[in-house]
Amino acid sequence: MNVMLLSAEQRTSAIAEVLLSKAFDGLDRKALLASALERESLSSTEVGHSVALAHAKLRSIRKVHAALGIKPEGLLYPDGRRVTFLFVIATSYADSLLYMEFLRKVLVFMHDDLFDKELLDWALDQDKPQSPRLKAFLKVLAFYEKA
C-alpha cells in the first residue's frame, strides 16, 4: 500500500522516503527527488490542514503516481507549520488535468479535520476497522499506485 509512517525527521529526507513506495516503482527516483526538491525550493508545498503536496514532473512519466507519508508528530516546514500528511506526486508536464483531478479527490478528504484524525489513527494501527470514508480514500490512493 502506498501509505507509510515516516521515520525521517526533515522535509527533504521525508520526500525521499515516500519515493521508496511501490507507487514509484519503475520510475527514476533520483530524478523525481531532484524535481520535487527543486519545486520545494521555489515555495512551500504545505497547503494547510497539516498537509503538504510535494510534486515532481518528468517527461518520461505516463500517468499520475502518488503515495502518502504520515509523520504523527509532524515535519517542520519553512513557514513554521508542521505537516503530518506528506503526499508525494509524480506526473508528466502534459498531465495537468490528471494531476488536478488527483488533488481535488485527495483534498476533499484532507480538509476534514475528523477524517485527518481517523486517517492518522488508522495509520498508527492498520488492524483497526476502516470506515466507508477511509476505504474510499484508500481506494483513491490505490488507483494511483497501479503501474
Protein backbone atom coordinates (compact mmCIF):
# COMPACT_ATOMS: atom_id res chain seq x y z
CA MET A 1 0.00 0.00 0.00
CA ASN A 2 1.23 3.48 -0.70
CA VAL A 3 0.56 4.85 2.80
CA MET A 4 3.51 4.73 5.16
CA LEU A 5 4.60 6.01 8.53
CA LEU A 6 7.70 8.15 8.12
CA SER A 7 10.87 7.80 10.13
CA ALA A 8 12.51 10.84 8.51
CA GLU A 9 12.78 13.98 10.62
CA GLN A 10 13.38 16.52 7.82
CA ARG A 11 11.18 17.52 4.91
CA THR A 12 13.71 16.60 2.19
CA SER A 13 14.51 13.18 3.65
CA ALA A 14 10.78 12.55 4.14
CA ILE A 15 10.15 13.19 0.44
CA ALA A 16 12.95 10.76 -0.41
CA GLU A 17 11.44 8.18 1.95
CA VAL A 18 7.98 8.44 0.36
CA LEU A 19 9.59 7.99 -3.06
CA LEU A 20 10.61 4.49 -1.93
CA SER A 21 6.92 3.49 -2.08
CA LYS A 22 5.95 0.95 -4.71
CA ALA A 23 3.85 3.68 -6.32
CA PHE A 24 7.11 4.90 -7.88
CA ASP A 25 8.49 1.51 -8.95
CA GLY A 26 9.94 1.68 -12.44
CA LEU A 27 10.45 5.44 -12.29
CA ASP A 28 13.73 7.30 -11.92
CA ARG A 29 13.56 8.03 -8.19
CA LYS A 30 16.73 10.12 -8.25
CA ALA A 31 15.28 12.40 -10.96
CA LEU A 32 11.95 12.53 -9.11
CA LEU A 33 13.67 13.61 -5.91
CA ALA A 34 15.64 16.30 -7.73
CA SER A 35 12.47 17.60 -9.38
CA ALA A 36 10.49 17.58 -6.13
CA LEU A 37 13.26 19.35 -4.22
CA GLU A 38 13.63 21.95 -6.97
CA ARG A 39 9.90 22.66 -6.68
CA GLU A 40 10.16 22.81 -2.88
CA SER A 41 12.94 25.40 -3.20
CA LEU A 42 10.59 27.74 -5.08
CA SER A 43 7.91 27.81 -2.40
CA SER A 44 6.43 25.59 0.26
CA THR A 45 4.01 22.90 -0.85
CA GLU A 46 2.31 22.98 2.58
CA VAL A 47 -1.38 23.69 1.91
CA GLY A 48 -2.89 23.80 5.41
CA HIS A 49 -4.68 21.17 7.49
CA SER A 50 -1.24 19.60 8.21
CA VAL A 51 -0.98 18.59 4.54
CA ALA A 52 1.83 19.10 2.01
CA LEU A 53 1.71 18.15 -1.66
CA ALA A 54 5.28 17.65 -2.87
CA HIS A 55 5.31 17.06 -6.58
CA ALA A 56 7.72 16.18 -9.31
CA LYS A 57 7.36 16.29 -13.06
CA LEU A 58 9.27 14.20 -15.57
CA ARG A 59 8.65 13.95 -19.29
CA SER A 60 9.01 10.15 -19.17
CA ILE A 61 6.01 9.65 -16.85
CA ARG A 62 2.79 8.48 -18.49
CA LYS A 63 0.32 8.76 -15.57
CA VAL A 64 -0.03 10.21 -12.10
CA HIS A 65 1.80 8.30 -9.35
CA ALA A 66 1.23 9.17 -5.70
CA ALA A 67 1.98 7.98 -2.20
CA LEU A 68 1.35 9.32 1.29
CA GLY A 69 3.84 9.55 4.13
CA ILE A 70 2.48 10.20 7.62
CA LYS A 71 4.58 11.74 10.39
CA PRO A 72 2.37 11.83 13.53
CA GLU A 73 4.46 14.47 15.30
CA GLY A 74 4.76 16.45 12.08
CA LEU A 75 7.57 17.64 9.85
CA LEU A 76 8.58 21.28 10.31
CA TYR A 77 8.07 23.31 7.14
CA PRO A 78 9.78 26.62 6.29
CA ASP A 79 6.67 28.62 7.18
CA GLY A 80 6.86 27.23 10.73
CA ARG A 81 3.88 24.91 10.38
CA ARG A 82 4.01 21.18 10.99
CA VAL A 83 2.94 18.75 8.28
CA THR A 84 1.54 15.39 9.33
CA PHE A 85 0.42 14.20 5.88
CA LEU A 86 3.02 14.40 3.10
CA PHE A 87 1.75 13.43 -0.33
CA VAL A 88 4.40 12.92 -3.00
CA ILE A 89 3.03 13.10 -6.51
CA ALA A 90 4.82 12.40 -9.78
CA THR A 91 3.42 13.24 -13.18
CA SER A 92 4.43 14.41 -16.63
CA TYR A 93 4.34 18.00 -17.79
CA ALA A 94 1.45 17.11 -20.09
CA ASP A 95 -0.85 15.60 -17.44
CA SER A 96 -2.05 18.73 -15.65
CA LEU A 97 -5.69 17.64 -15.77
CA LEU A 98 -4.96 14.24 -14.21
CA TYR A 99 -2.81 15.92 -11.58
CA MET A 100 -5.56 18.42 -10.73
CA GLU A 101 -8.11 15.61 -10.54
CA PHE A 102 -5.91 13.76 -8.04
CA LEU A 103 -5.53 16.92 -5.93
CA ARG A 104 -9.27 17.52 -5.97
CA LYS A 105 -10.06 13.98 -4.85
CA VAL A 106 -7.48 13.95 -2.07
CA LEU A 107 -8.12 17.43 -0.70
CA VAL A 108 -11.84 16.76 -0.34
CA PHE A 109 -10.87 14.19 2.29
CA MET A 110 -7.92 16.01 3.83
CA HIS A 111 -9.74 19.26 4.53
CA ASP A 112 -11.92 17.45 7.04
CA ASP A 113 -10.28 17.51 10.49
CA LEU A 114 -12.28 14.49 11.64
CA PHE A 115 -11.06 12.50 8.66
CA ASP A 116 -7.46 13.59 9.30
CA LYS A 117 -7.72 12.15 12.81
CA GLU A 118 -9.29 8.93 11.53
CA LEU A 119 -6.54 8.50 8.93
CA LEU A 120 -3.82 9.13 11.50
CA ASP A 121 -5.39 6.69 13.97
CA TRP A 122 -5.64 4.04 11.25
CA ALA A 123 -2.03 4.63 10.11
CA LEU A 124 -0.85 4.00 13.67
CA ASP A 125 -2.89 0.78 13.90
CA GLN A 126 -3.79 -0.62 10.49
CA ASP A 127 -5.67 -3.51 12.09
CA LYS A 128 -8.43 -1.10 13.08
CA PRO A 129 -11.66 -1.37 11.10
CA GLN A 130 -11.93 1.04 8.18
CA SER A 131 -14.91 3.34 7.88
CA PRO A 132 -16.54 3.65 4.45
CA ARG A 133 -14.92 7.09 4.10
CA LEU A 134 -11.45 5.74 4.89
CA LYS A 135 -12.00 2.87 2.45
CA ALA A 136 -12.98 5.37 -0.26
CA PHE A 137 -9.83 7.43 0.40
CA LEU A 138 -7.58 4.37 0.29
CA LYS A 139 -9.26 3.32 -2.96
CA VAL A 140 -8.33 6.69 -4.49
CA LEU A 141 -4.71 6.24 -3.43
CA ALA A 142 -4.65 2.64 -4.69
CA PHE A 143 -5.68 3.86 -8.14
CA TYR A 144 -2.51 5.98 -8.30
CA GLU A 145 -0.37 3.09 -7.09
CA LYS A 146 -1.03 0.90 -10.10
CA ALA A 147 1.53 0.99 -12.89
